Amino acid sequence: MKMYVGNLSFESTENDLQDLFEQHGTVNEVHLMMDRFTGKSRGFAFVTMNDSAQANAAVGALNGHELNGRALTVNEARPREERPRPQGGGGGGKRQFTGFRR
């Protein structure tokens, strides 16, 4: 089961989350989301646990739990929604000079 962990302090690390969630079972993966331009935390993460009973126990115990001065939001992650892509546009680029018009 994949869980969303929100309202993280910017000082929180993947190791902090690993240690916290391992109190409730085996953690498969922790993925702290980082801003690709600044390299800083975006304030949320995803934690994956194979055993759904352990994951549900973690959600119940850790939702509202304080970590590094912030009350965590922990719930089951929802599938990512498809976002519409912008249509049209483009057309930029270098124009070729084809001669003079008369």
Protein backbone atom coordinates (compact mmCIF):
# COMPACT_ATOMS: atom_id res chain seq x y z
CA MET A 1 0.00 0.00 0.00
CA LYS A 2 1.31 3.41 -0.95
CA MET A 3 0.73 6.25 1.52
CA TYR A 4 0.85 10.00 1.09
CA VAL A 5 2.67 11.89 3.87
CA GLY A 6 2.06 15.63 3.83
CA ASN A 7 2.80 18.74 5.88
CA LEU A 8 6.43 17.70 6.29
CA SER A 9 8.93 20.17 7.62
CA PHE A 10 11.61 21.05 5.08
CA GLU A 11 14.21 19.58 7.45
CA SER A 12 12.60 16.10 7.38
CA THR A 13 14.57 13.41 5.54
CA GLU A 14 13.77 10.05 3.99
CA ASN A 15 15.61 8.43 6.92
CA ASP A 16 13.33 10.24 9.42
CA LEU A 17 10.28 8.84 7.62
CA GLN A 18 11.82 5.36 7.30
CA ASP A 19 12.48 5.24 11.06
CA LEU A 20 9.02 6.56 11.91
CA PHE A 21 7.08 4.16 9.67
CA GLU A 22 9.21 1.13 10.58
CA GLN A 23 7.73 1.35 14.08
CA HIS A 24 4.54 -0.01 12.46
CA GLY A 25 5.95 -2.59 10.02
CA THR A 26 8.27 -3.23 7.11
CA VAL A 27 8.83 -0.24 4.83
CA ASN A 28 9.60 -1.01 1.18
CA GLU A 29 10.23 2.48 -0.13
CA VAL A 30 10.31 6.11 0.97
CA HIS A 31 10.27 8.79 -1.69
CA LEU A 32 10.62 12.39 -0.48
CA MET A 33 9.54 14.75 -3.24
CA MET A 34 12.17 17.38 -4.09
CA ASP A 35 11.90 20.57 -6.11
CA ARG A 36 13.88 19.99 -9.30
CA PHE A 37 15.12 23.59 -9.49
CA THR A 38 16.09 24.32 -5.88
CA GLY A 39 16.82 20.77 -4.70
CA LYS A 40 14.82 21.41 -1.51
CA SER A 41 11.99 19.30 -0.13
CA ARG A 42 8.49 20.04 -1.45
CA GLY A 43 6.98 19.12 1.93
CA PHE A 44 5.46 15.76 1.06
CA ALA A 45 6.50 12.16 0.47
CA PHE A 46 5.24 8.72 -0.43
CA VAL A 47 5.87 5.66 1.74
CA THR A 48 5.20 2.11 0.50
CA MET A 49 4.51 -0.89 2.73
CA ASN A 50 3.56 -4.33 1.33
CA ASP A 51 1.40 -5.44 4.26
CA SER A 52 -1.87 -3.47 4.12
CA ALA A 53 -2.65 -4.23 7.79
CA GLN A 54 0.67 -2.66 8.84
CA ALA A 55 0.09 0.26 6.48
CA ASN A 56 -3.39 0.89 7.89
CA ALA A 57 -1.95 0.76 11.41
CA ALA A 58 0.68 3.32 10.37
CA VAL A 59 -1.97 5.62 8.87
CA GLY A 60 -4.05 5.43 12.06
CA ALA A 61 -1.09 6.02 14.35
CA LEU A 62 0.80 8.66 12.37
CA ASN A 63 -1.94 10.90 10.94
CA GLY A 64 -1.62 14.01 13.12
CA HIS A 65 1.66 12.77 14.66
CA GLU A 66 4.20 15.56 15.16
CA LEU A 67 7.54 15.27 13.33
CA ASN A 68 10.08 18.11 13.43
CA GLY A 69 7.46 20.51 14.75
CA ARG A 70 4.75 19.75 12.15
CA ALA A 71 1.60 17.62 12.46
CA LEU A 72 1.75 15.04 9.64
CA THR A 73 -1.07 14.27 7.23
CA VAL A 74 -0.95 10.55 6.45
CA ASN A 75 -3.44 8.72 4.24
CA GLU A 76 -3.63 6.17 1.45
CA ALA A 77 -2.23 7.63 -1.76
CA ARG A 78 -4.74 8.09 -4.56
CA PRO A 79 -3.81 7.32 -8.16
CA ARG A 80 -2.41 10.27 -10.05
CA GLU A 81 -5.07 12.06 -12.07
CA GLU A 82 -4.54 12.62 -15.77
CA ARG A 83 -4.18 16.30 -16.50
CA PRO A 84 -5.26 17.69 -19.87
CA ARG A 85 -2.34 18.75 -22.00
CA PRO A 86 -2.38 22.16 -23.65
CA GLN A 87 -3.65 22.07 -27.23
CA GLY A 88 -2.40 24.03 -30.22
CA GLY A 89 0.13 26.75 -29.79
CA GLY A 90 3.69 26.15 -30.75
CA GLY A 91 4.60 27.46 -34.14
CA GLY A 92 7.68 29.13 -32.75
CA GLY A 93 11.12 28.72 -34.09
CA LYS A 94 13.22 30.23 -36.81
CA ARG A 95 11.55 31.23 -40.05
CA GLN A 96 13.24 30.53 -43.32
CA PHE A 97 13.86 33.44 -45.64
CA THR A 98 12.38 32.44 -48.98
CA GLY A 99 12.98 35.63 -50.95
CA PHE A 100 11.13 38.86 -51.55
CA ARG A 101 7.43 39.10 -52.30
CA ARG A 102 6.13 41.16 -55.15
